[in-house]
Amino acid sequence: EKRAIRAAVADALIDPDVSRIVVTPLDGAGADAYLA
């Protein structure tokens, strides 16, 4: 869900030292949509 993804990204970036996000989707047709 878009709102959940944006919240997860915002939470991940609270730490100013974070420089890389590793995106791991579920296996299936929606994997690329999750990365996007």
Full PDB file with SEQRES, HELIX, SHEET, SSBOND, CRYST1, ORIGX, SCALE, CONECT and MASTER records, all heavy atoms in Angstrom:
SEQRES   1 A   36  GLU LYS ARG ALA ILE ARG ALA ALA VAL ALA ASP ALA LEU          
SEQRES   2 A   36  ILE ASP PRO ASP VAL SER ARG ILE VAL VAL THR PRO LEU          
SEQRES   3 A   36  ASP GLY ALA GLY ALA ASP ALA TYR LEU ALA                      
HELIX    1 AA1 LYS A    2  ALA A   12  1                                  11    
HELIX    2 AA2 ALA A   31  LEU A   35  1                                   5    
CRYST1    1.000    1.000    1.000  90.00  90.00  90.00 P 1           1          
ORIGX1      1.000000  0.000000  0.000000        0.00000                         
ORIGX2      0.000000  1.000000  0.000000        0.00000                         
ORIGX3      0.000000  0.000000  1.000000        0.00000                         
SCALE1      1.000000  0.000000  0.000000        0.00000                         
SCALE2      0.000000  1.000000  0.000000        0.00000                         
SCALE3      0.000000  0.000000  1.000000        0.00000                         
ATOM      1  N   GLU A   1       0.844  -1.194   0.000  1.00  0.00           N  
ATOM      2  CA  GLU A   1       0.000   0.000   0.000  1.00  0.00           C  
ATOM      3  C   GLU A   1       0.882   1.247   0.000  1.00  0.00           C  
ATOM      4  O   GLU A   1       1.854   1.339   0.741  1.00  0.00           O  
ATOM      5  CB  GLU A   1      -0.918  -0.030   1.226  1.00  0.00           C  
ATOM      6  CG  GLU A   1      -2.139   0.854   1.128  1.00  0.00           C  
ATOM      7  CD  GLU A   1      -1.859   2.267   1.615  1.00  0.00           C  
ATOM      8  OE1 GLU A   1      -1.029   2.431   2.531  1.00  0.00           O  
ATOM      9  OE2 GLU A   1      -2.468   3.212   1.064  1.00  0.00           O  
ATOM     10  N   LYS A   2       0.534   2.214  -0.835  1.00  0.00           N  
ATOM     11  CA  LYS A   2       1.386   3.380  -1.048  1.00  0.00           C  
ATOM     12  C   LYS A   2       1.702   4.119   0.247  1.00  0.00           C  
ATOM     13  O   LYS A   2       2.849   4.490   0.509  1.00  0.00           O  
ATOM     14  CB  LYS A   2       0.718   4.323  -2.052  1.00  0.00           C  
ATOM     15  CG  LYS A   2       1.560   5.535  -2.410  1.00  0.00           C  
ATOM     16  CD  LYS A   2       0.828   6.461  -3.358  1.00  0.00           C  
ATOM     17  CE  LYS A   2       0.545   5.817  -4.691  1.00  0.00           C  
ATOM     18  NZ  LYS A   2      -0.055   6.775  -5.662  1.00  0.00           N  
ATOM     19  N   ARG A   3       0.703   4.328   1.078  1.00  0.00           N  
ATOM     20  CA  ARG A   3       0.928   5.079   2.320  1.00  0.00           C  
ATOM     21  C   ARG A   3       1.890   4.337   3.241  1.00  0.00           C  
ATOM     22  O   ARG A   3       2.758   4.945   3.883  1.00  0.00           O  
ATOM     23  CB  ARG A   3      -0.405   5.319   3.022  1.00  0.00           C  
ATOM     24  CG  ARG A   3      -0.292   6.196   4.266  1.00  0.00           C  
ATOM     25  CD  ARG A   3      -1.661   6.493   4.838  1.00  0.00           C  
ATOM     26  NE  ARG A   3      -2.492   7.225   3.891  1.00  0.00           N  
ATOM     27  CZ  ARG A   3      -3.751   7.569   4.134  1.00  0.00           C  
ATOM     28  NH1 ARG A   3      -4.328   7.244   5.271  1.00  0.00           N  
ATOM     29  NH2 ARG A   3      -4.440   8.245   3.230  1.00  0.00           N  
ATOM     30  N   ALA A   4       1.753   3.004   3.298  1.00  0.00           N  
ATOM     31  CA  ALA A   4       2.638   2.209   4.150  1.00  0.00           C  
ATOM     32  C   ALA A   4       4.075   2.268   3.645  1.00  0.00           C  
ATOM     33  O   ALA A   4       5.023   2.332   4.442  1.00  0.00           O  
ATOM     34  CB  ALA A   4       2.145   0.769   4.206  1.00  0.00           C  
ATOM     35  N   ILE A   5       4.259   2.235   2.330  1.00  0.00           N  
ATOM     36  CA  ILE A   5       5.601   2.293   1.763  1.00  0.00           C  
ATOM     37  C   ILE A   5       6.247   3.643   2.053  1.00  0.00           C  
ATOM     38  O   ILE A   5       7.414   3.721   2.456  1.00  0.00           O  
ATOM     39  CB  ILE A   5       5.551   2.028   0.247  1.00  0.00           C  
ATOM     40  CG1 ILE A   5       5.136   0.581  -0.019  1.00  0.00           C  
ATOM     41  CG2 ILE A   5       6.910   2.317  -0.402  1.00  0.00           C  
ATOM     42  CD1 ILE A   5       4.856   0.286  -1.474  1.00  0.00           C  
ATOM     43  N   ARG A   6       5.493   4.719   1.869  1.00  0.00           N  
ATOM     44  CA  ARG A   6       6.053   6.050   2.142  1.00  0.00           C  
ATOM     45  C   ARG A   6       6.416   6.205   3.611  1.00  0.00           C  
ATOM     46  O   ARG A   6       7.453   6.812   3.949  1.00  0.00           O  
ATOM     47  CB  ARG A   6       5.062   7.127   1.706  1.00  0.00           C  
ATOM     48  CG  ARG A   6       4.906   7.212   0.196  1.00  0.00           C  
ATOM     49  CD  ARG A   6       3.992   8.354  -0.226  1.00  0.00           C  
ATOM     50  NE  ARG A   6       3.863   8.388  -1.679  1.00  0.00           N  
ATOM     51  CZ  ARG A   6       3.112   9.274  -2.336  1.00  0.00           C  
ATOM     52  NH1 ARG A   6       2.444  10.198  -1.665  1.00  0.00           N  
ATOM     53  NH2 ARG A   6       3.055   9.242  -3.657  1.00  0.00           N  
ATOM     54  N   ALA A   7       5.600   5.640   4.503  1.00  0.00           N  
ATOM     55  CA  ALA A   7       5.897   5.707   5.930  1.00  0.00           C  
ATOM     56  C   ALA A   7       7.156   4.909   6.249  1.00  0.00           C  
ATOM     57  O   ALA A   7       7.999   5.348   7.044  1.00  0.00           O  
ATOM     58  CB  ALA A   7       4.710   5.185   6.738  1.00  0.00           C  
ATOM     59  N   ALA A   8       7.323   3.734   5.615  1.00  0.00           N  
ATOM     60  CA  ALA A   8       8.503   2.910   5.854  1.00  0.00           C  
ATOM     61  C   ALA A   8       9.769   3.614   5.376  1.00  0.00           C  
ATOM     62  O   ALA A   8      10.808   3.567   6.048  1.00  0.00           O  
ATOM     63  CB  ALA A   8       8.346   1.562   5.159  1.00  0.00           C  
ATOM     64  N   VAL A   9       9.688   4.263   4.227  1.00  0.00           N  
ATOM     65  CA  VAL A   9      10.844   4.995   3.705  1.00  0.00           C  
ATOM     66  C   VAL A   9      11.180   6.166   4.623  1.00  0.00           C  
ATOM     67  O   VAL A   9      12.353   6.409   4.947  1.00  0.00           O  
ATOM     68  CB  VAL A   9      10.585   5.476   2.268  1.00  0.00           C  
ATOM     69  CG1 VAL A   9      11.686   6.429   1.803  1.00  0.00           C  
ATOM     70  CG2 VAL A   9      10.472   4.287   1.319  1.00  0.00           C  
ATOM     71  N   ALA A  10      10.171   6.903   5.051  1.00  0.00           N  
ATOM     72  CA  ALA A  10      10.402   8.035   5.956  1.00  0.00           C  
ATOM     73  C   ALA A  10      11.042   7.572   7.263  1.00  0.00           C  
ATOM     74  O   ALA A  10      11.972   8.210   7.781  1.00  0.00           O  
ATOM     75  CB  ALA A  10       9.084   8.758   6.230  1.00  0.00           C  
ATOM     76  N   ASP A  11      10.565   6.443   7.801  1.00  0.00           N  
ATOM     77  CA  ASP A  11      11.138   5.919   9.043  1.00  0.00           C  
ATOM     78  C   ASP A  11      12.588   5.500   8.840  1.00  0.00           C  
ATOM     79  O   ASP A  11      13.438   5.730   9.713  1.00  0.00           O  
ATOM     80  CB  ASP A  11      10.322   4.714   9.528  1.00  0.00           C  
ATOM     81  CG  ASP A  11       8.956   5.105  10.074  1.00  0.00           C  
ATOM     82  OD1 ASP A  11       8.743   6.309  10.330  1.00  0.00           O  
ATOM     83  OD2 ASP A  11       8.102   4.207  10.231  1.00  0.00           O  
ATOM     84  N   ALA A  12      12.870   4.909   7.699  1.00  0.00           N  
ATOM     85  CA  ALA A  12      14.238   4.456   7.423  1.00  0.00           C  
ATOM     86  C   ALA A  12      15.216   5.617   7.343  1.00  0.00           C  
ATOM     87  O   ALA A  12      16.390   5.469   7.704  1.00  0.00           O  
ATOM     88  CB  ALA A  12      14.263   3.662   6.122  1.00  0.00           C  
ATOM     89  N   LEU A  13      14.724   6.756   6.889  1.00  0.00           N  
ATOM     90  CA  LEU A  13      15.609   7.897   6.668  1.00  0.00           C  
ATOM     91  C   LEU A  13      15.671   8.856   7.856  1.00  0.00           C  
ATOM     92  O   LEU A  13      16.277   9.923   7.760  1.00  0.00           O  
ATOM     93  CB  LEU A  13      15.166   8.642   5.409  1.00  0.00           C  
ATOM     94  CG  LEU A  13      15.243   7.821   4.119  1.00  0.00           C  
ATOM     95  CD1 LEU A  13      14.817   8.655   2.928  1.00  0.00           C  
ATOM     96  CD2 LEU A  13      16.630   7.243   3.907  1.00  0.00           C  
ATOM     97  N   ILE A  14      15.056   8.462   8.972  1.00  0.00           N  
ATOM     98  CA  ILE A  14      15.190   9.281  10.185  1.00  0.00           C  
ATOM     99  C   ILE A  14      16.656   9.351  10.604  1.00  0.00           C  
ATOM    100  O   ILE A  14      17.144  10.395  11.058  1.00  0.00           O  
ATOM    101  CB  ILE A  14      14.319   8.697  11.318  1.00  0.00           C  
ATOM    102  CG1 ILE A  14      12.838   8.940  11.009  1.00  0.00           C  
ATOM    103  CG2 ILE A  14      14.693   9.333  12.659  1.00  0.00           C  
ATOM    104  CD1 ILE A  14      11.898   8.297  12.005  1.00  0.00           C  
ATOM    105  N   ASP A  15      17.352   8.232  10.433  1.00  0.00           N  
ATOM    106  CA  ASP A  15      18.789   8.201  10.716  1.00  0.00           C  
ATOM    107  C   ASP A  15      19.520   8.920   9.590  1.00  0.00           C  
ATOM    108  O   ASP A  15      19.515   8.460   8.439  1.00  0.00           O  
ATOM    109  CB  ASP A  15      19.258   6.751  10.811  1.00  0.00           C  
ATOM    110  CG  ASP A  15      20.746   6.637  11.156  1.00  0.00           C  
ATOM    111  OD1 ASP A  15      21.457   7.660  11.126  1.00  0.00           O  
ATOM    112  OD2 ASP A  15      21.192   5.501  11.429  1.00  0.00           O  
ATOM    113  N   PRO A  16      20.179  10.027   9.861  1.00  0.00           N  
ATOM    114  CA  PRO A  16      20.838  10.792   8.794  1.00  0.00           C  
ATOM    115  C   PRO A  16      22.019  10.072   8.168  1.00  0.00           C  
ATOM    116  O   PRO A  16      22.500  10.473   7.102  1.00  0.00           O  
ATOM    117  CB  PRO A  16      21.293  12.079   9.505  1.00  0.00           C  
ATOM    118  CG  PRO A  16      21.413  11.689  10.942  1.00  0.00           C  
ATOM    119  CD  PRO A  16      20.345  10.665  11.176  1.00  0.00           C  
ATOM    120  N   ASP A  17      22.494   9.003   8.798  1.00  0.00           N  
ATOM    121  CA  ASP A  17      23.639   8.273   8.265  1.00  0.00           C  
ATOM    122  C   ASP A  17      23.250   7.211   7.247  1.00  0.00           C  
ATOM    123  O   ASP A  17      24.135   6.624   6.601  1.00  0.00           O  
ATOM    124  CB  ASP A  17      24.419   7.606   9.406  1.00  0.00           C  
ATOM    125  CG  ASP A  17      25.099   8.629  10.313  1.00  0.00           C  
ATOM    126  OD1 ASP A  17      25.476   9.711   9.803  1.00  0.00           O  
ATOM    127  OD2 ASP A  17      25.234   8.354  11.515  1.00  0.00           O  
ATOM    128  N   VAL A  18      21.950   6.945   7.097  1.00  0.00           N  
ATOM    129  CA  VAL A  18      21.517   5.932   6.140  1.00  0.00           C  
ATOM    130  C   VAL A  18      21.838   6.401   4.724  1.00  0.00           C  
ATOM    131  O   VAL A  18      21.450   7.498   4.312  1.00  0.00           O  
ATOM    132  CB  VAL A  18      20.008   5.644   6.267  1.00  0.00           C  
ATOM    133  CG1 VAL A  18      19.516   4.790   5.097  1.00  0.00           C  
ATOM    134  CG2 VAL A  18      19.716   4.946   7.578  1.00  0.00           C  
ATOM    135  N   SER A  19      22.542   5.560   3.978  1.00  0.00           N  
ATOM    136  CA  SER A  19      22.935   5.936   2.621  1.00  0.00           C  
ATOM    137  C   SER A  19      22.430   4.965   1.563  1.00  0.00           C  
ATOM    138  O   SER A  19      22.549   5.246   0.373  1.00  0.00           O  
ATOM    139  CB  SER A  19      24.462   6.038   2.518  1.00  0.00           C  
ATOM    140  OG  SER A  19      25.056   4.797   2.847  1.00  0.00           O  
ATOM    141  N   ARG A  20      21.874   3.813   1.993  1.00  0.00           N  
ATOM    142  CA  ARG A  20      21.381   2.827   1.019  1.00  0.00           C  
ATOM    143  C   ARG A  20      20.145   2.124   1.560  1.00  0.00           C  
ATOM    144  O   ARG A  20      20.084   1.746   2.733  1.00  0.00           O  
ATOM    145  CB  ARG A  20      22.455   1.797   0.693  1.00  0.00           C  
ATOM    146  CG  ARG A  20      21.985   0.692  -0.262  1.00  0.00           C  
ATOM    147  CD  ARG A  20      23.122  -0.231  -0.666  1.00  0.00           C  
ATOM    148  NE  ARG A  20      24.150   0.494  -1.438  1.00  0.00           N  
ATOM    149  CZ  ARG A  20      25.225  -0.086  -1.962  1.00  0.00           C  
ATOM    150  NH1 ARG A  20      25.420  -1.398  -1.802  1.00  0.00           N  
ATOM    151  NH2 ARG A  20      26.111   0.633  -2.642  1.00  0.00           N  
ATOM    152  N   ILE A  21      19.165   1.947   0.667  1.00  0.00           N  
ATOM    153  CA  ILE A  21      17.962   1.174   0.971  1.00  0.00           C  
ATOM    154  C   ILE A  21      17.986  -0.078   0.102  1.00  0.00           C  
ATOM    155  O   ILE A  21      18.236  -0.002  -1.103  1.00  0.00           O  
ATOM    156  CB  ILE A  21      16.690   1.997   0.691  1.00  0.00           C  
ATOM    157  CG1 ILE A  21      16.497   3.075   1.768  1.00  0.00           C  
ATOM    158  CG2 ILE A  21      15.461   1.111   0.621  1.00  0.00           C  
ATOM    159  CD1 ILE A  21      15.321   3.983   1.510  1.00  0.00           C  
ATOM    160  N   VAL A  22      17.734  -1.216   0.725  1.00  0.00           N  
ATOM    161  CA  VAL A  22      17.632  -2.479  -0.004  1.00  0.00           C  
ATOM    162  C   VAL A  22      16.153  -2.842  -0.108  1.00  0.00           C  
ATOM    163  O   VAL A  22      15.489  -3.077   0.900  1.00  0.00           O  
ATOM    164  CB  VAL A  22      18.406  -3.607   0.688  1.00  0.00           C  
ATOM    165  CG1 VAL A  22      18.232  -4.915  -0.091  1.00  0.00           C  
ATOM    166  CG2 VAL A  22      19.879  -3.249   0.802  1.00  0.00           C  
ATOM    167  N   VAL A  23      15.643  -2.866  -1.317  1.00  0.00           N  
ATOM    168  CA  VAL A  23      14.218  -3.105  -1.565  1.00  0.00           C  
ATOM    169  C   VAL A  23      14.005  -4.579  -1.881  1.00  0.00           C  
ATOM    170  O   VAL A  23      14.531  -5.090  -2.880  1.00  0.00           O  
ATOM    171  CB  VAL A  23      13.704  -2.235  -2.726  1.00  0.00           C  
ATOM    172  CG1 VAL A  23      12.205  -2.454  -2.936  1.00  0.00           C  
ATOM    173  CG2 VAL A  23      14.003  -0.767  -2.461  1.00  0.00           C  
ATOM    174  N   THR A  24      13.218  -5.253  -1.037  1.00  0.00           N  
ATOM    175  CA  THR A  24      12.945  -6.679  -1.222  1.00  0.00           C  
ATOM    176  C   THR A  24      11.440  -6.892  -1.322  1.00  0.00           C  
ATOM    177  O   THR A  24      10.734  -6.877  -0.313  1.00  0.00           O  
ATOM    178  CB  THR A  24      13.515  -7.516  -0.063  1.00  0.00           C  
ATOM    179  OG1 THR A  24      14.906  -7.229   0.100  1.00  0.00           O  
ATOM    180  CG2 THR A  24      13.325  -9.004  -0.330  1.00  0.00           C  
ATOM    181  N   PRO A  25      10.929  -7.078  -2.530  1.00  0.00           N  
ATOM    182  CA  PRO A  25       9.493  -7.323  -2.700  1.00  0.00           C  
ATOM    183  C   PRO A  25       9.158  -8.791  -2.462  1.00  0.00           C  
ATOM    184  O   PRO A  25      10.042  -9.648  -2.400  1.00  0.00           O  
ATOM    185  CB  PRO A  25       9.256  -6.955  -4.168  1.00  0.00           C  
ATOM    186  CG  PRO A  25      10.546  -7.356  -4.826  1.00  0.00           C  
ATOM    187  CD  PRO A  25      11.637  -7.079  -3.823  1.00  0.00           C  
ATOM    188  N   LEU A  26       7.869  -9.083  -2.332  1.00  0.00           N  
ATOM    189  CA  LEU A  26       7.421 -10.458  -2.348  1.00  0.00           C  
ATOM    190  C   LEU A  26       7.599 -11.017  -3.762  1.00  0.00           C  
ATOM    191  O   LEU A  26       7.626 -10.267  -4.742  1.00  0.00           O  
ATOM    192  CB  LEU A  26       5.957 -10.550  -1.929  1.00  0.00           C  
ATOM    193  CG  LEU A  26       5.648 -10.146  -0.480  1.00  0.00           C  
ATOM    194  CD1 LEU A  26       4.144 -10.170  -0.239  1.00  0.00           C  
ATOM    195  CD2 LEU A  26       6.366 -11.058   0.516  1.00  0.00           C  
ATOM    196  N   ASP A  27       7.726 -12.317  -3.862  1.00  0.00           N  
ATOM    197  CA  ASP A  27       7.901 -12.952  -5.156  1.00  0.00           C  
ATOM    198  C   ASP A  27       6.564 -12.973  -5.898  1.00  0.00           C  
ATOM    199  O   ASP A  27       5.588 -13.553  -5.411  1.00  0.00           O  
ATOM    200  CB  ASP A  27       8.419 -14.378  -4.971  1.00  0.00           C  
ATOM    201  CG  ASP A  27       8.994 -14.957  -6.248  1.00  0.00           C  
ATOM    202  OD1 ASP A  27       9.091 -14.222  -7.240  1.00  0.00           O  
ATOM    203  OD2 ASP A  27       9.341 -16.150  -6.245  1.00  0.00           O  
ATOM    204  N   GLY A  28       6.493 -12.297  -7.036  1.00  0.00           N  
ATOM    205  CA  GLY A  28       5.235 -12.273  -7.770  1.00  0.00           C  
ATOM    206  C   GLY A  28       5.172 -11.134  -8.759  1.00  0.00           C  
ATOM    207  O   GLY A  28       6.141 -10.385  -8.950  1.00  0.00           O  
ATOM    208  N   ALA A  29       3.999 -10.973  -9.346  1.00  0.00           N  
ATOM    209  CA  ALA A  29       3.826  -9.994 -10.421  1.00  0.00           C  
ATOM    210  C   ALA A  29       3.952  -8.556  -9.950  1.00  0.00           C  
ATOM    211  O   ALA A  29       4.207  -7.663 -10.752  1.00  0.00           O  
ATOM    212  CB  ALA A  29       2.461 -10.201 -11.076  1.00  0.00           C  
ATOM    213  N   GLY A  30       3.791  -8.305  -8.664  1.00  0.00           N  
ATOM    214  CA  GLY A  30       3.841  -6.929  -8.165  1.00  0.00           C  
ATOM    215  C   GLY A  30       5.201  -6.463  -7.700  1.00  0.00           C  
ATOM    216  O   GLY A  30       5.318  -5.368  -7.130  1.00  0.00           O  
ATOM    217  N   ALA A  31       6.248  -7.258  -7.963  1.00  0.00           N  
ATOM    218  CA  ALA A  31       7.570  -6.915  -7.442  1.00  0.00           C  
ATOM    219  C   ALA A  31       8.078  -5.569  -7.968  1.00  0.00           C  
ATOM    220  O   ALA A  31       8.551  -4.719  -7.204  1.00  0.00           O  
ATOM    221  CB  ALA A  31       8.566  -8.021  -7.776  1.00  0.00           C  
ATOM    222  N   ASP A  32       7.994  -5.355  -9.278  1.00  0.00           N  
ATOM    223  CA  ASP A  32       8.485  -4.097  -9.851  1.00  0.00           C  
ATOM    224  C   ASP A  32       7.664  -2.909  -9.378  1.00  0.00           C  
ATOM    225  O   ASP A  32       8.200  -1.809  -9.182  1.00  0.00           O  
ATOM    226  CB  ASP A  32       8.482  -4.176 -11.374  1.00  0.00           C  
ATOM    227  CG  ASP A  32       9.597  -5.044 -11.924  1.00  0.00           C  
ATOM    228  OD1 ASP A  32      10.510  -5.417 -11.166  1.00  0.00           O  
ATOM    229  OD2 ASP A  32       9.558  -5.359 -13.133  1.00  0.00           O  
ATOM    230  N   ALA A  33       6.367  -3.099  -9.203  1.00  0.00           N  
ATOM    231  CA  ALA A  33       5.513  -2.009  -8.717  1.00  0.00           C  
ATOM    232  C   ALA A  33       5.937  -1.594  -7.312  1.00  0.00           C  
ATOM    233  O   ALA A  33       5.887  -0.407  -6.962  1.00  0.00           O  
ATOM    234  CB  ALA A  33       4.048  -2.434  -8.736  1.00  0.00           C  
ATOM    235  N   TYR A  34       6.357  -2.554  -6.504  1.00  0.00           N  
ATOM    236  CA  TYR A  34       6.819  -2.244  -5.143  1.00  0.00           C  
ATOM    237  C   TYR A  34       8.092  -1.398  -5.199  1.00  0.00           C  
ATOM    238  O   TYR A  34       8.205  -0.376  -4.510  1.00  0.00           O  
ATOM    239  CB  TYR A  34       7.049  -3.532  -4.372  1.00  0.00           C  
ATOM    240  CG  TYR A  34       7.373  -3.314  -2.922  1.00  0.00           C  
ATOM    241  CD1 TYR A  34       6.385  -2.980  -2.011  1.00  0.00           C  
ATOM    242  CD2 TYR A  34       8.681  -3.418  -2.455  1.00  0.00           C  
ATOM    243  CE1 TYR A  34       6.672  -2.762  -0.675  1.00  0.00           C  
ATOM    244  CE2 TYR A  34       8.993  -3.202  -1.121  1.00  0.00           C  
ATOM    245  CZ  TYR A  34       7.977  -2.880  -0.233  1.00  0.00           C  
ATOM    246  OH  TYR A  34       8.275  -2.654   1.093  1.00  0.00           O  
ATOM    247  N   LEU A  35       9.052  -1.822  -6.021  1.00  0.00           N  
ATOM    248  CA  LEU A  35      10.275  -1.023  -6.187  1.00  0.00           C  
ATOM    249  C   LEU A  35       9.934   0.379  -6.669  1.00  0.00           C  
ATOM    250  O   LEU A  35      10.479   1.374  -6.157  1.00  0.00           O  
ATOM    251  CB  LEU A  35      11.208  -1.705  -7.183  1.00  0.00           C  
ATOM    252  CG  LEU A  35      12.428  -0.880  -7.631  1.00  0.00           C  
ATOM    253  CD1 LEU A  35      13.344  -0.580  -6.458  1.00  0.00           C  
ATOM    254  CD2 LEU A  35      13.185  -1.609  -8.748  1.00  0.00           C  
ATOM    255  N   ALA A  36       9.040   0.490  -7.646  1.00  0.00           N  
ATOM    256  CA  ALA A  36       8.680   1.798  -8.194  1.00  0.00           C  
ATOM    257  C   ALA A  36       8.104   2.710  -7.117  1.00  0.00           C  
ATOM    258  O   ALA A  36       8.390   3.914  -7.091  1.00  0.00           O  
ATOM    259  CB  ALA A  36       7.675   1.626  -9.331  1.00  0.00           C  
TER     260      ALA A  36                                                      
MASTER        0    0    0    2    0    0    0    6  259    1    0    3          
END                                                                             
